[in-house]
Amino acid sequence: MIKTINKSKNKGFTLIELLVVIAIISLLSSLTMSSLSSARQKSRATKRIEDMKVIQTALEMYFNDNNAYPITFPSWRSECSGMGSYAANNVIPGLVPTYLGKMPADPMMNKTANTSCYAYASDGKDYAFMDFNVPDLNYMSVPSLVDTARDGGVNCETLDGAVITAWKVRSSADSICW
């Protein structure tokens, strides 16, 4: 007598089991993406701060050699269309390549929309270098860089609850509030 094997057991997953696994994977991937987005935002802010420090150092070296900062006053200069559409290496005249290998740019810069733009102005005695109109930046994360001339403040003082639109470094705390 031949014994038959009962093959009635289903091998595989039920629809419910598959849906639960898909839901768990979706939840984990959305959590990962949100934390990755936050990390990217912080990375861009760090790059902006480093760029501003590098520009500030290069401008001080230029001043030490020339007894003045590169003059552009009364106008601001930027790669963005709202402030001249200058070539990157000509935003700050005379700085590149002697004092700076190449002019950095904001990681989110949009030249035609005038967002996330680096800009420079100087009368030779004082200068201001700013990163303005950055959509994803929490300017108050570094209060020492807040551009008080662009928050509705008076006499270079920040207003409480004001909309801040720029970070800025300048030649000294007593320099002109552009």
Protein backbone atom coordinates (compact mmCIF):
# COMPACT_ATOMS: atom_id res chain seq x y z
CA MET A 1 0.00 0.00 0.00
CA ILE A 2 1.27 3.39 -1.01
CA LYS A 3 0.93 6.12 1.46
CA THR A 4 -0.10 9.51 0.06
CA ILE A 5 1.25 12.65 1.54
CA ASN A 6 -1.26 15.29 2.41
CA LYS A 7 -0.21 18.48 0.58
CA SER A 8 -3.04 20.56 1.84
CA LYS A 9 -0.78 22.83 3.92
CA ASN A 10 -0.28 26.16 2.17
CA LYS A 11 3.26 27.38 2.07
CA GLY A 12 3.50 31.16 1.90
CA PHE A 13 2.20 34.30 3.51
CA THR A 14 -1.35 35.40 3.94
CA LEU A 15 -2.52 38.73 2.62
CA ILE A 16 -2.74 40.12 6.15
CA GLU A 17 0.85 39.11 6.92
CA LEU A 18 2.07 40.80 3.74
CA LEU A 19 0.17 43.99 4.53
CA VAL A 20 1.63 44.13 8.06
CA VAL A 21 5.18 43.72 6.72
CA ILE A 22 4.62 46.41 4.08
CA ALA A 23 3.22 48.78 6.71
CA ILE A 24 6.24 48.24 8.98
CA ILE A 25 8.69 48.81 6.11
CA SER A 26 6.84 51.98 5.09
CA LEU A 27 6.94 53.34 8.63
CA LEU A 28 10.66 52.65 9.00
CA SER A 29 11.51 54.21 5.65
CA SER A 30 9.52 57.38 6.39
CA LEU A 31 11.31 57.76 9.74
CA THR A 32 14.66 57.32 8.03
CA MET A 33 13.84 59.88 5.34
CA SER A 34 12.75 62.52 7.85
CA SER A 35 15.93 62.14 9.89
CA LEU A 36 17.99 62.23 6.70
CA SER A 37 16.27 65.46 5.65
CA SER A 38 17.12 67.04 8.99
CA ALA A 39 20.75 65.94 8.67
CA ARG A 40 20.97 67.47 5.18
CA GLN A 41 19.54 70.75 6.45
CA LYS A 42 22.10 70.88 9.28
CA SER A 43 24.89 70.04 6.85
CA ARG A 44 23.92 72.93 4.57
CA ALA A 45 23.83 75.33 7.54
CA THR A 46 27.29 74.17 8.63
CA LYS A 47 28.65 74.72 5.11
CA ARG A 48 27.23 78.26 5.08
CA ILE A 49 28.89 79.09 8.40
CA GLU A 50 32.22 77.69 7.22
CA ASP A 51 31.97 79.63 3.94
CA MET A 52 31.34 82.85 5.85
CA LYS A 53 34.36 82.25 8.10
CA VAL A 54 36.58 81.51 5.09
CA ILE A 55 35.41 84.69 3.32
CA GLN A 56 35.95 86.72 6.49
CA THR A 57 39.51 85.40 6.85
CA ALA A 58 40.30 86.07 3.17
CA LEU A 59 38.95 89.63 3.48
CA GLU A 60 41.13 90.29 6.53
CA MET A 61 44.20 89.01 4.64
CA TYR A 62 43.29 91.30 1.73
CA PHE A 63 42.96 94.24 4.15
CA ASN A 64 46.37 93.49 5.72
CA ASP A 65 48.02 93.67 2.29
CA ASN A 66 46.04 96.62 0.85
CA ASN A 67 44.95 98.69 3.87
CA ALA A 68 41.39 98.57 2.53
CA TYR A 69 38.70 96.03 1.69
CA PRO A 70 37.67 95.47 -1.94
CA ILE A 71 35.36 98.41 -2.75
CA THR A 72 31.87 97.94 -4.21
CA PHE A 73 29.87 100.55 -2.29
CA PRO A 74 27.15 101.74 -2.66
CA SER A 75 26.01 98.53 -4.32
CA TRP A 76 25.86 94.91 -3.22
CA ARG A 77 27.46 92.28 -5.45
CA SER A 78 26.25 88.72 -5.84
CA GLU A 79 25.92 85.90 -8.35
CA CYS A 80 22.15 86.29 -8.00
CA SER A 81 20.26 88.38 -10.53
CA GLY A 82 18.86 90.79 -7.93
CA MET A 83 22.36 91.98 -7.06
CA GLY A 84 24.19 92.07 -10.34
CA SER A 85 24.60 88.49 -11.60
CA TYR A 86 28.38 88.69 -11.18
CA ALA A 87 30.63 85.78 -12.05
CA ALA A 88 31.50 83.82 -8.89
CA ASN A 89 35.13 84.94 -8.88
CA ASN A 90 34.13 88.59 -9.32
CA VAL A 91 31.61 88.94 -6.48
CA ILE A 92 34.41 90.29 -4.29
CA PRO A 93 36.88 92.03 -6.63
CA GLY A 94 40.51 91.00 -6.18
CA LEU A 95 39.85 88.25 -3.64
CA VAL A 96 40.03 85.28 -6.02
CA PRO A 97 42.54 83.66 -6.69
CA THR A 98 45.09 85.48 -4.51
CA TYR A 99 43.31 85.18 -1.16
CA LEU A 100 40.74 82.53 -1.96
CA GLY A 101 41.04 79.58 -4.38
CA LYS A 102 37.47 80.00 -5.58
CA MET A 103 34.39 81.79 -4.40
CA PRO A 104 32.06 79.45 -2.50
CA ALA A 105 28.32 79.40 -3.14
CA ASP A 106 25.37 78.62 -0.93
CA PRO A 107 24.43 74.94 -1.41
CA MET A 108 20.83 75.89 -2.30
CA MET A 109 21.55 79.01 -4.39
CA ASN A 110 18.97 79.87 -7.06
CA LYS A 111 20.39 82.80 -9.01
CA THR A 112 17.22 83.70 -10.91
CA ALA A 113 14.88 83.45 -7.90
CA ASN A 114 17.36 85.39 -5.70
CA THR A 115 17.25 82.78 -2.95
CA SER A 116 20.14 81.43 -0.91
CA CYS A 117 22.55 84.04 -2.26
CA TYR A 118 25.91 85.20 -0.94
CA ALA A 119 26.38 88.96 -1.32
CA TYR A 120 29.15 91.46 -0.56
CA ALA A 121 29.38 95.23 -0.11
CA SER A 122 32.21 97.46 1.06
CA ASP A 123 33.24 101.10 1.14
CA GLY A 124 36.90 100.14 1.66
CA LYS A 125 36.85 100.80 5.42
CA ASP A 126 34.06 98.40 6.36
CA TYR A 127 32.49 95.43 4.64
CA ALA A 128 29.48 93.19 4.98
CA PHE A 129 29.15 89.68 3.57
CA MET A 130 25.79 87.98 3.87
CA ASP A 131 23.83 84.87 2.99
CA PHE A 132 20.24 85.93 2.49
CA ASN A 133 16.78 84.66 1.68
CA VAL A 134 17.47 80.99 2.48
CA PRO A 135 14.14 79.11 2.66
CA ASP A 136 15.20 76.16 4.85
CA LEU A 137 17.47 78.00 7.30
CA ASN A 138 16.69 78.70 10.94
CA TYR A 139 18.63 81.96 11.23
CA MET A 140 18.26 82.05 15.01
CA SER A 141 20.28 78.81 15.27
CA VAL A 142 23.36 81.09 15.25
CA PRO A 143 22.24 84.43 16.75
CA SER A 144 25.70 86.00 16.37
CA LEU A 145 25.31 85.83 12.57
CA VAL A 146 21.81 87.32 12.38
CA ASP A 147 21.74 90.32 10.04
CA THR A 148 19.93 92.87 12.15
CA ALA A 149 19.59 95.23 9.19
CA ARG A 150 17.22 92.73 7.56
CA ASP A 151 14.82 91.89 10.35
CA GLY A 152 12.92 95.14 10.61
CA GLY A 153 15.14 96.25 13.50
CA VAL A 154 16.25 99.82 14.04
CA ASN A 155 19.89 100.86 14.51
CA CYS A 156 21.13 97.33 13.92
CA GLU A 157 19.12 95.81 16.76
CA THR A 158 17.07 92.66 16.35
CA LEU A 159 13.34 93.00 16.94
CA ASP A 160 11.61 90.29 18.93
CA GLY A 161 9.41 88.18 16.68
CA ALA A 162 10.85 89.76 13.53
CA VAL A 163 11.25 87.82 10.31
CA ILE A 164 14.98 87.39 9.86
CA THR A 165 16.15 86.98 6.27
CA ALA A 166 19.95 86.92 6.41
CA TRP A 167 23.13 85.91 8.18
CA LYS A 168 25.97 88.39 7.92
CA VAL A 169 29.60 88.84 8.89
CA ARG A 170 31.12 92.28 8.85
CA SER A 171 34.44 93.98 9.43
CA SER A 172 33.69 94.95 13.04
CA ALA A 173 30.82 95.18 15.49
CA ASP A 174 30.96 98.94 15.07
CA SER A 175 30.83 98.87 11.28
CA ILE A 176 28.03 100.27 9.22
CA CYS A 177 24.69 98.50 9.53
CA TRP A 178 23.97 97.82 5.86
